Amino acid sequence: MKKLSVICLLVVGIIFISGCIDGKKTNSKTSTSSQPSINETSKETSASPSISIPSPSDNYSSAAVPDISQPKSVPGEFEININSYYFVYLRNNHVIYENTTKGAFDLVEKNYVMYNLSIKNNGTNNLNFSINKLQLHARDQVFTPGDPGTKLQYIGKWLYVLSDIENENRLNNTMLHPNQTLKGIAIFKVDNYTTLFDRSFSLSYNTTPIPSTSIEKSLEALRVAEQFDYSIAFKTPPYDCDMWEDHSYDFPESKHPYVWANWVNRTVFESYKTIDEMSLSKEKPGNIPHTEIAYAVKVIPEQDLTVFHTDHSTVYEERNSGPYSIRSEGKYKGTQLYVVDDTGEEVFNKSIDPLRDDIGLAMLDDQTYRPFSENMPQMLIPRATIVHFSFNSIYGWSLDMRFTFNDQDIILDEQHNIILARYEFTKMVS
């Protein structure tokens, strides 16, 4: 009987031990297989826009961006989120000679990618954020942040995107206390125009990817915004040959440099970029003009927006997120467009004065774009993408120089329909 009891105990013990070992193996396999791969791309597809979008040309690239959950903590360190991002292209032919700026045949290009990040210390100890641990990956290239004090050239008040960049906080080496959040931009100078517009970028900190599921969708929204024919919305061709009335759908090369832009998309920018360069090469050595071009894009992905307007003496009170009011009396002239997020924070406001010819607003209404009217209803746009464009082209001589400046604000819905488009231009000759 005792022998039988001992044998039973041995059998039970062996079964128990083998079960524990097998359980550990099973858990290990499950843990390994449940980890997401950073090479997975998003499988989501959006509905087709309800408006006609021109087909992409071969010059446009829409490289896939890894679809990784956001927000995510960098192990043992920070939670890092991407709030918005910029693409900036600058070119000029300026040289400094005896403290004087002169024109040259050589064109100098600068290409920048910038990210506005929020960085939070979720730990219980102080942590040091190091700007040099950020890396921008572009296919097989890796870029590190430039000098936080980098200044971008821009002219006055006309280029809002570049002005926004100058007003951004610049990220630098900082110690963060527990639960402290740091916000600002990191500036990366990339090597050339092709890299900038290929847009196959990803960001990492200390070799750990910084994810954003919204980036891929917003890049598709940017592609739509850049390729859209805004003559459909604004009811005017892109090019103006006499500053007001002689408009053209094609760039009138024979009238260069006296061609101004009514609005901008990627094709308009590329036209000025190409034709300004061709014209410069034909100038005589003793009569070299100044030429300058800037194309800057700011993208704010996935925002729940409220859009409304007010004049200089009206007070608006808000909806469900809690009461707030915007009193613009004495602050703005004319009619103002307000865009507010779901926390009640103002994302941007711009003039839409219907009495001004250099400003316009169009809204999508029942598949048709209609110009702004005073009875425009308040609009709620969930999961919207905001795209801001700034563009300028300058060409000519000190007393005979053409200036064209354009700023545009585009709001796209979740299906990448352009719901609202605002333009503002400045046209001058020195």
Protein backbone atom coordinates (compact mmCIF):
# COMPACT_ATOMS: atom_id res chain seq x y z
CA MET A 1 0.00 0.00 0.00
CA LYS A 2 2.85 2.34 0.92
CA LYS A 3 4.59 1.49 -2.34
CA LEU A 4 1.45 2.36 -4.28
CA SER A 5 1.16 5.72 -2.50
CA VAL A 6 4.77 6.59 -3.27
CA ILE A 7 4.33 5.67 -6.96
CA CYS A 8 1.19 7.86 -7.21
CA LEU A 9 3.02 10.80 -5.66
CA LEU A 10 5.90 10.41 -8.13
CA VAL A 11 3.52 10.31 -11.12
CA VAL A 12 1.65 13.41 -9.95
CA GLY A 13 4.94 15.26 -9.36
CA ILE A 14 6.26 14.43 -12.85
CA ILE A 15 3.01 15.60 -14.48
CA PHE A 16 3.07 18.86 -12.49
CA ILE A 17 6.70 19.63 -13.36
CA SER A 18 6.24 18.89 -17.09
CA GLY A 19 3.11 21.05 -17.15
CA CYS A 20 5.03 24.02 -15.69
CA ILE A 21 7.83 23.63 -18.24
CA ASP A 22 5.36 23.37 -21.10
CA GLY A 23 3.47 26.38 -19.80
CA LYS A 24 6.63 28.47 -19.78
CA LYS A 25 7.38 27.49 -23.37
CA THR A 26 3.84 28.32 -24.45
CA ASN A 27 3.90 31.72 -22.73
CA SER A 28 7.26 32.52 -24.28
CA LYS A 29 5.95 31.73 -27.75
CA THR A 30 2.79 33.73 -27.18
CA SER A 31 4.74 36.75 -25.92
CA THR A 32 7.08 36.69 -28.90
CA SER A 33 4.34 36.34 -31.50
CA SER A 34 2.22 39.11 -30.01
CA GLN A 35 4.84 41.81 -30.56
CA PRO A 36 3.98 44.04 -33.54
CA SER A 37 6.50 44.35 -36.33
CA ILE A 38 7.66 47.89 -37.11
CA ASN A 39 7.69 46.94 -40.77
CA GLU A 40 3.95 46.40 -40.92
CA THR A 41 2.16 49.01 -42.98
CA SER A 42 -1.36 50.22 -42.41
CA LYS A 43 -4.06 48.09 -44.03
CA GLU A 44 -6.69 50.82 -43.71
CA THR A 45 -8.07 52.33 -46.88
CA SER A 46 -10.19 55.44 -47.05
CA ALA A 47 -13.30 56.02 -49.08
CA SER A 48 -12.87 57.68 -52.44
CA PRO A 49 -13.23 61.48 -52.34
CA SER A 50 -16.53 62.76 -53.64
CA ILE A 51 -14.80 65.42 -55.71
CA SER A 52 -12.67 64.89 -58.78
CA ILE A 53 -8.97 64.77 -57.96
CA PRO A 54 -6.39 64.90 -60.74
CA SER A 55 -4.38 61.70 -61.18
CA PRO A 56 -0.93 61.70 -59.58
CA SER A 57 1.97 62.45 -61.86
CA ASP A 58 5.22 60.52 -61.77
CA ASN A 59 6.79 63.37 -59.82
CA TYR A 60 4.71 62.59 -56.73
CA SER A 61 5.63 59.87 -54.29
CA SER A 62 3.38 58.46 -51.58
CA ALA A 63 5.73 56.07 -49.78
CA ALA A 64 4.17 54.00 -47.03
CA VAL A 65 4.90 54.91 -43.43
CA PRO A 66 5.02 52.23 -40.73
CA ASP A 67 1.70 51.86 -38.91
CA ILE A 68 2.60 51.69 -35.24
CA SER A 69 0.32 52.55 -32.35
CA GLN A 70 0.51 56.03 -30.88
CA PRO A 71 1.20 57.21 -28.24
CA LYS A 72 4.05 54.97 -27.18
CA SER A 73 6.70 55.34 -24.49
CA VAL A 74 10.35 55.08 -25.40
CA PRO A 75 11.34 52.20 -23.06
CA GLY A 76 12.40 53.52 -19.66
CA GLU A 77 12.33 57.10 -20.84
CA PHE A 78 9.70 59.25 -22.56
CA GLU A 79 6.32 59.27 -24.22
CA ILE A 80 6.84 61.10 -27.53
CA ASN A 81 4.03 62.20 -29.85
CA ILE A 82 4.12 63.96 -33.23
CA ASN A 83 1.75 66.95 -33.21
CA SER A 84 2.50 68.36 -36.67
CA TYR A 85 5.24 68.43 -39.28
CA TYR A 86 6.72 70.69 -41.95
CA PHE A 87 8.37 70.29 -45.35
CA VAL A 88 10.33 73.36 -46.50
CA TYR A 89 12.16 74.05 -49.77
CA LEU A 90 14.22 77.24 -50.22
CA ARG A 91 16.35 78.37 -53.17
CA ASN A 92 18.12 81.58 -54.18
CA ASN A 93 21.09 82.86 -56.12
CA HIS A 94 22.38 85.32 -53.53
CA VAL A 95 26.08 85.83 -52.89
CA ILE A 96 27.66 88.31 -50.47
CA TYR A 97 30.35 90.44 -52.10
CA GLU A 98 31.94 93.32 -50.14
CA ASN A 99 28.95 93.40 -47.73
CA THR A 100 26.54 93.60 -50.65
CA THR A 101 24.12 90.90 -51.79
CA LYS A 102 24.42 90.20 -55.50
CA GLY A 103 22.88 87.71 -57.89
CA ALA A 104 24.81 84.79 -59.37
CA PHE A 105 24.16 82.03 -61.89
CA ASP A 106 24.61 79.38 -59.19
CA LEU A 107 21.42 78.44 -57.33
CA VAL A 108 21.65 77.29 -53.71
CA GLU A 109 18.93 74.96 -52.40
CA LYS A 110 18.02 74.18 -48.78
CA ASN A 111 15.64 71.37 -47.82
CA TYR A 112 14.19 70.89 -44.34
CA VAL A 113 11.94 68.42 -42.57
CA MET A 114 10.63 69.49 -39.16
CA TYR A 115 8.55 67.80 -36.51
CA ASN A 116 6.61 69.42 -33.69
CA LEU A 117 6.86 66.95 -30.81
CA SER A 118 5.46 66.65 -27.31
CA ILE A 119 7.79 64.78 -24.96
CA LYS A 120 6.55 63.64 -21.53
CA ASN A 121 8.44 62.09 -18.67
CA ASN A 122 6.14 59.33 -17.41
CA GLY A 123 8.66 58.03 -14.90
CA THR A 124 9.28 58.79 -11.25
CA ASN A 125 12.80 60.18 -11.73
CA ASN A 126 14.22 63.14 -13.59
CA LEU A 127 15.20 62.28 -17.18
CA ASN A 128 17.53 64.05 -19.60
CA PHE A 129 16.19 64.55 -23.11
CA SER A 130 19.02 64.68 -25.63
CA ILE A 131 18.31 66.34 -28.98
CA ASN A 132 21.13 64.34 -30.62
CA LYS A 133 19.33 61.05 -29.89
CA LEU A 134 16.61 62.02 -32.36
CA GLN A 135 17.14 60.60 -35.85
CA LEU A 136 15.28 61.07 -39.12
CA HIS A 137 15.32 58.01 -41.41
CA ALA A 138 14.81 58.42 -45.15
CA ARG A 139 15.10 55.03 -46.82
CA ASP A 140 18.81 54.15 -46.40
CA GLN A 141 19.81 57.60 -45.08
CA VAL A 142 19.87 58.87 -41.50
CA PHE A 143 19.82 62.56 -40.53
CA THR A 144 20.42 64.17 -37.14
CA PRO A 145 18.87 67.47 -35.99
CA GLY A 146 20.46 70.70 -37.05
CA ASP A 147 21.29 73.67 -34.88
CA PRO A 148 18.17 74.59 -32.84
CA GLY A 149 18.98 78.22 -33.63
CA THR A 150 18.61 77.68 -37.40
CA LYS A 151 16.97 80.70 -39.01
CA LEU A 152 14.99 80.35 -42.22
CA GLN A 153 14.90 83.15 -44.73
CA TYR A 154 11.50 84.62 -45.40
CA ILE A 155 10.10 87.99 -46.29
CA GLY A 156 7.89 89.86 -43.88
CA LYS A 157 4.38 88.81 -42.98
CA TRP A 158 3.39 87.13 -46.26
CA LEU A 159 4.68 83.62 -45.63
CA TYR A 160 2.68 82.37 -42.66
CA VAL A 161 4.17 78.85 -42.53
CA LEU A 162 7.73 80.14 -42.27
CA SER A 163 6.60 82.71 -39.73
CA ASP A 164 5.01 79.89 -37.68
CA ILE A 165 8.31 78.03 -37.74
CA GLU A 166 10.20 81.04 -36.43
CA ASN A 167 7.68 81.32 -33.57
CA GLU A 168 7.95 77.64 -32.58
CA ASN A 169 9.89 76.58 -29.50
CA ARG A 170 13.10 74.82 -30.58
CA LEU A 171 13.84 71.50 -28.89
CA ASN A 172 17.22 71.22 -27.20
CA ASN A 173 18.89 69.23 -24.43
CA THR A 174 16.58 69.47 -21.41
CA MET A 175 16.03 67.75 -18.07
CA LEU A 176 12.38 66.78 -17.54
CA HIS A 177 10.89 66.22 -14.10
CA PRO A 178 8.30 63.45 -13.56
CA ASN A 179 5.05 64.23 -15.45
CA GLN A 180 6.67 67.25 -17.12
CA THR A 181 5.96 67.75 -20.85
CA LEU A 182 8.22 69.51 -23.33
CA LYS A 183 6.89 70.78 -26.68
CA GLY A 184 8.78 72.14 -29.66
CA ILE A 185 10.23 71.45 -33.08
CA ALA A 186 13.25 69.48 -34.23
CA ILE A 187 14.77 70.71 -37.51
CA PHE A 188 16.42 68.28 -39.93
CA LYS A 189 18.27 69.52 -42.99
CA VAL A 190 18.05 66.84 -45.68
CA ASP A 191 20.45 66.46 -48.56
CA ASN A 192 18.41 67.32 -51.63
CA TYR A 193 15.09 68.12 -53.27
CA THR A 194 14.44 64.49 -54.25
CA THR A 195 14.77 63.28 -50.65
CA LEU A 196 12.49 66.07 -49.41
CA PHE A 197 9.67 65.24 -51.80
CA ASP A 198 10.06 61.48 -51.64
CA ARG A 199 8.72 61.82 -48.07
CA SER A 200 9.60 58.30 -46.96
CA PHE A 201 10.48 59.53 -43.48
CA SER A 202 10.36 57.95 -40.05
CA LEU A 203 11.55 59.33 -36.73
CA SER A 204 13.32 57.58 -33.84
CA TYR A 205 14.69 58.46 -30.42
CA ASN A 206 17.65 56.51 -29.07
CA THR A 207 17.07 53.97 -31.93
CA THR A 208 13.42 53.37 -30.88
CA PRO A 209 10.84 54.37 -33.54
CA ILE A 210 8.52 57.25 -32.68
CA PRO A 211 5.15 56.10 -34.00
CA SER A 212 2.11 57.86 -35.38
CA THR A 213 -0.79 56.04 -36.94
CA SER A 214 -2.09 59.36 -38.26
CA ILE A 215 1.00 60.22 -40.34
CA GLU A 216 0.25 57.89 -43.26
CA LYS A 217 -3.31 59.21 -43.56
CA SER A 218 -2.13 62.81 -43.34
CA LEU A 219 0.47 62.23 -46.07
CA GLU A 220 -2.32 61.01 -48.33
CA ALA A 221 -4.35 64.10 -47.41
CA LEU A 222 -1.31 66.24 -48.25
CA ARG A 223 -1.00 64.52 -51.63
CA VAL A 224 -4.63 65.36 -52.40
CA ALA A 225 -4.18 68.97 -51.25
CA GLU A 226 -1.01 69.43 -53.33
CA GLN A 227 -2.50 67.98 -56.52
CA PHE A 228 -5.95 69.53 -56.37
CA ASP A 229 -6.94 71.98 -59.12
CA TYR A 230 -8.04 74.96 -57.03
CA SER A 231 -9.63 76.67 -60.00
CA ILE A 232 -12.54 74.31 -59.22
CA ALA A 233 -12.93 75.87 -55.78
CA PHE A 234 -11.75 79.45 -56.35
CA LYS A 235 -13.24 79.86 -59.86
CA THR A 236 -10.05 81.42 -61.23
CA PRO A 237 -7.01 80.09 -63.14
CA PRO A 238 -3.67 79.90 -61.33
CA TYR A 239 -1.64 82.43 -63.32
CA ASP A 240 -2.06 86.19 -63.68
CA CYS A 241 -0.11 88.13 -66.31
CA ASP A 242 -1.05 91.72 -65.45
CA MET A 243 -1.66 91.45 -61.67
CA TRP A 244 -5.45 91.40 -61.96
CA GLU A 245 -7.28 90.42 -65.17
CA ASP A 246 -5.17 88.49 -67.71
CA HIS A 247 -5.46 85.00 -66.20
CA SER A 248 -4.18 81.72 -67.65
CA TYR A 249 -4.40 78.01 -66.87
CA ASP A 250 -0.92 77.40 -68.31
CA PHE A 251 2.22 79.23 -67.28
CA PRO A 252 2.72 81.96 -69.93
CA GLU A 253 6.48 81.59 -70.44
CA SER A 254 6.61 84.40 -72.98
CA LYS A 255 5.53 86.87 -70.30
CA HIS A 256 8.04 85.77 -67.66
CA PRO A 257 8.98 87.20 -65.21
CA TYR A 258 5.75 89.22 -65.02
CA VAL A 259 3.57 86.32 -63.96
CA TRP A 260 1.88 86.17 -60.55
CA ALA A 261 0.11 83.29 -58.83
CA ASN A 262 -3.56 83.51 -57.82
CA TRP A 263 -3.24 80.30 -55.80
CA VAL A 264 -0.68 77.56 -55.32
CA ASN A 265 -0.47 73.80 -55.58
CA ARG A 266 2.47 71.54 -56.34
CA THR A 267 2.21 72.12 -60.10
CA VAL A 268 2.26 75.91 -59.73
CA PHE A 269 5.31 75.74 -57.47
CA GLU A 270 7.12 73.38 -59.87
CA SER A 271 6.35 75.70 -62.81
CA TYR A 272 7.94 78.72 -61.14
CA LYS A 273 10.87 76.63 -59.92
CA THR A 274 11.62 75.38 -63.44
CA ILE A 275 10.97 78.53 -65.45
CA ASP A 276 12.78 80.90 -63.07
CA GLU A 277 15.84 78.64 -63.35
CA MET A 278 15.62 78.44 -67.15
CA SER A 279 15.30 82.21 -67.46
CA LEU A 280 18.27 82.82 -65.16
CA SER A 281 20.52 80.68 -67.37
CA LYS A 282 19.68 82.90 -70.37
CA GLU A 283 20.61 86.21 -68.69
CA LYS A 284 23.81 88.09 -69.57
CA PRO A 285 26.70 87.91 -67.09
CA GLY A 286 26.66 91.66 -66.44
CA ASN A 287 22.92 91.74 -65.81
CA ILE A 288 22.15 88.88 -63.42
CA PRO A 289 18.80 89.20 -61.64
CA HIS A 290 17.95 88.18 -58.11
CA THR A 291 15.82 85.07 -57.91
CA GLU A 292 14.32 83.43 -54.85
CA ILE A 293 11.70 80.77 -54.25
CA ALA A 294 10.16 79.22 -51.13
CA TYR A 295 7.63 76.42 -50.79
CA ALA A 296 6.62 75.47 -47.27
CA VAL A 297 3.96 73.03 -46.06
CA LYS A 298 2.64 72.49 -42.55
CA VAL A 299 0.44 69.46 -41.79
CA ILE A 300 -1.65 68.94 -38.64
CA PRO A 301 -3.13 65.42 -38.66
CA GLU A 302 -6.42 64.09 -37.23
CA GLN A 303 -8.11 66.93 -35.39
CA ASP A 304 -11.77 67.18 -34.39
CA LEU A 305 -12.52 70.71 -35.56
CA THR A 306 -15.18 73.36 -35.20
CA VAL A 307 -15.10 76.06 -37.88
CA PHE A 308 -17.02 79.32 -37.68
CA HIS A 309 -16.66 82.99 -38.52
CA THR A 310 -17.24 86.26 -36.76
CA ASP A 311 -17.00 89.95 -37.54
CA HIS A 312 -15.21 92.55 -35.41
CA SER A 313 -18.07 93.06 -32.94
CA THR A 314 -19.60 89.60 -32.43
CA VAL A 315 -19.25 87.24 -29.47
CA TYR A 316 -19.63 83.48 -29.92
CA GLU A 317 -20.24 80.98 -27.13
CA GLU A 318 -19.37 77.35 -27.43
CA ARG A 319 -20.91 73.95 -27.49
CA ASN A 320 -20.38 70.79 -25.42
CA SER A 321 -16.71 71.12 -24.49
CA GLY A 322 -17.60 73.92 -22.08
CA PRO A 323 -18.35 77.60 -22.57
CA TYR A 324 -15.82 79.87 -24.18
CA SER A 325 -16.07 83.08 -26.14
CA ILE A 326 -13.97 84.92 -28.66
CA ARG A 327 -14.37 88.68 -28.56
CA SER A 328 -12.66 90.21 -31.55
CA GLU A 329 -13.83 93.79 -31.23
CA GLY A 330 -10.89 96.09 -31.76
CA LYS A 331 -8.54 93.19 -32.47
CA TYR A 332 -9.41 92.30 -36.07
CA LYS A 333 -10.78 94.19 -39.00
CA GLY A 334 -13.46 92.65 -41.16
CA THR A 335 -14.61 89.04 -41.02
CA GLN A 336 -12.47 86.40 -39.33
CA LEU A 337 -12.41 82.62 -39.78
CA TYR A 338 -11.85 80.60 -36.59
CA VAL A 339 -10.78 76.97 -36.39
CA VAL A 340 -11.00 75.41 -32.91
CA ASP A 341 -10.14 71.89 -31.71
CA ASP A 342 -12.23 69.65 -29.45
CA THR A 343 -10.67 71.11 -26.30
CA GLY A 344 -11.78 74.61 -27.25
CA GLU A 345 -8.23 75.68 -28.17
CA GLU A 346 -7.86 77.87 -31.23
CA VAL A 347 -5.87 76.12 -33.97
CA PHE A 348 -5.74 79.16 -36.24
CA ASN A 349 -7.71 82.19 -37.33
CA LYS A 350 -7.44 84.08 -40.61
CA SER A 351 -9.15 86.98 -42.31
CA ILE A 352 -11.91 86.16 -44.80
CA ASP A 353 -13.10 89.71 -45.40
CA PRO A 354 -15.44 89.46 -48.43
CA LEU A 355 -14.57 93.03 -49.41
CA ARG A 356 -10.96 92.10 -50.14
CA ASP A 357 -10.04 90.81 -53.61
CA ASP A 358 -6.77 89.25 -52.40
CA ILE A 359 -8.50 86.85 -49.99
CA GLY A 360 -11.06 84.16 -50.68
CA LEU A 361 -12.76 81.19 -49.03
CA ALA A 362 -14.56 78.27 -50.65
CA MET A 363 -16.55 75.51 -48.93
CA LEU A 364 -17.75 72.17 -50.24
CA ASP A 365 -21.55 72.11 -50.21
CA ASP A 366 -23.44 69.22 -51.81
CA GLN A 367 -20.51 68.32 -54.11
CA THR A 368 -20.12 71.95 -55.20
CA TYR A 369 -17.68 74.60 -54.02
CA ARG A 370 -19.37 77.82 -52.99
CA PRO A 371 -17.72 81.09 -51.96
CA PHE A 372 -17.99 82.39 -48.42
CA SER A 373 -21.20 84.14 -47.41
CA GLU A 374 -22.21 85.78 -44.14
CA ASN A 375 -24.73 83.02 -43.41
CA MET A 376 -22.04 80.31 -43.40
CA PRO A 377 -23.12 77.82 -40.70
CA GLN A 378 -20.85 76.54 -37.97
CA MET A 379 -19.12 73.38 -39.20
CA LEU A 380 -18.02 70.32 -37.23
CA ILE A 381 -15.32 68.29 -39.02
CA PRO A 382 -14.20 65.15 -37.15
CA ARG A 383 -10.76 63.60 -37.71
CA ALA A 384 -9.79 66.38 -40.09
CA THR A 385 -6.36 67.10 -41.56
CA ILE A 386 -5.16 70.69 -41.85
CA VAL A 387 -2.68 71.62 -44.59
CA HIS A 388 -1.12 75.09 -44.72
CA PHE A 389 0.81 76.23 -47.82
CA SER A 390 3.16 79.19 -48.15
CA PHE A 391 4.83 80.05 -51.45
CA ASN A 392 6.81 82.92 -52.91
CA SER A 393 8.74 83.55 -56.09
CA ILE A 394 10.91 86.60 -56.68
CA TYR A 395 12.67 87.40 -59.93
CA GLY A 396 14.21 90.57 -61.33
CA TRP A 397 16.39 93.58 -60.68
CA SER A 398 16.38 96.25 -57.98
CA LEU A 399 13.96 98.56 -59.82
CA ASP A 400 12.22 95.90 -61.87
CA MET A 401 11.48 92.90 -59.65
CA ARG A 402 8.41 90.66 -59.57
CA PHE A 403 7.13 89.43 -56.20
CA THR A 404 4.37 86.86 -55.82
CA PHE A 405 3.33 85.56 -52.38
CA ASN A 406 0.65 82.98 -51.60
CA ASP A 407 -0.75 81.49 -48.42
CA GLN A 408 -3.44 78.79 -48.36
CA ASP A 409 -5.27 76.97 -45.60
CA ILE A 410 -6.91 73.66 -46.50
CA ILE A 411 -9.11 71.44 -44.31
CA LEU A 412 -9.78 67.86 -45.45
CA ASP A 413 -12.19 65.43 -43.84
CA GLU A 414 -11.46 61.81 -42.91
CA GLN A 415 -12.14 60.67 -46.51
CA HIS A 416 -9.72 63.36 -47.82
CA ASN A 417 -12.42 65.56 -49.32
CA ILE A 418 -11.34 69.19 -49.33
CA ILE A 419 -14.09 70.70 -47.19
CA LEU A 420 -12.73 74.22 -46.91
CA ALA A 421 -10.05 76.12 -48.81
CA ARG A 422 -8.83 79.65 -48.12
CA TYR A 423 -6.38 81.65 -50.24
CA GLU A 424 -4.52 84.91 -49.77
CA PHE A 425 -2.09 86.46 -52.27
CA THR A 426 0.17 89.47 -52.59
CA LYS A 427 1.37 90.68 -56.00
CA MET A 428 4.01 93.39 -56.41
CA VAL A 429 6.57 94.93 -58.73
CA SER A 430 9.44 96.96 -57.29
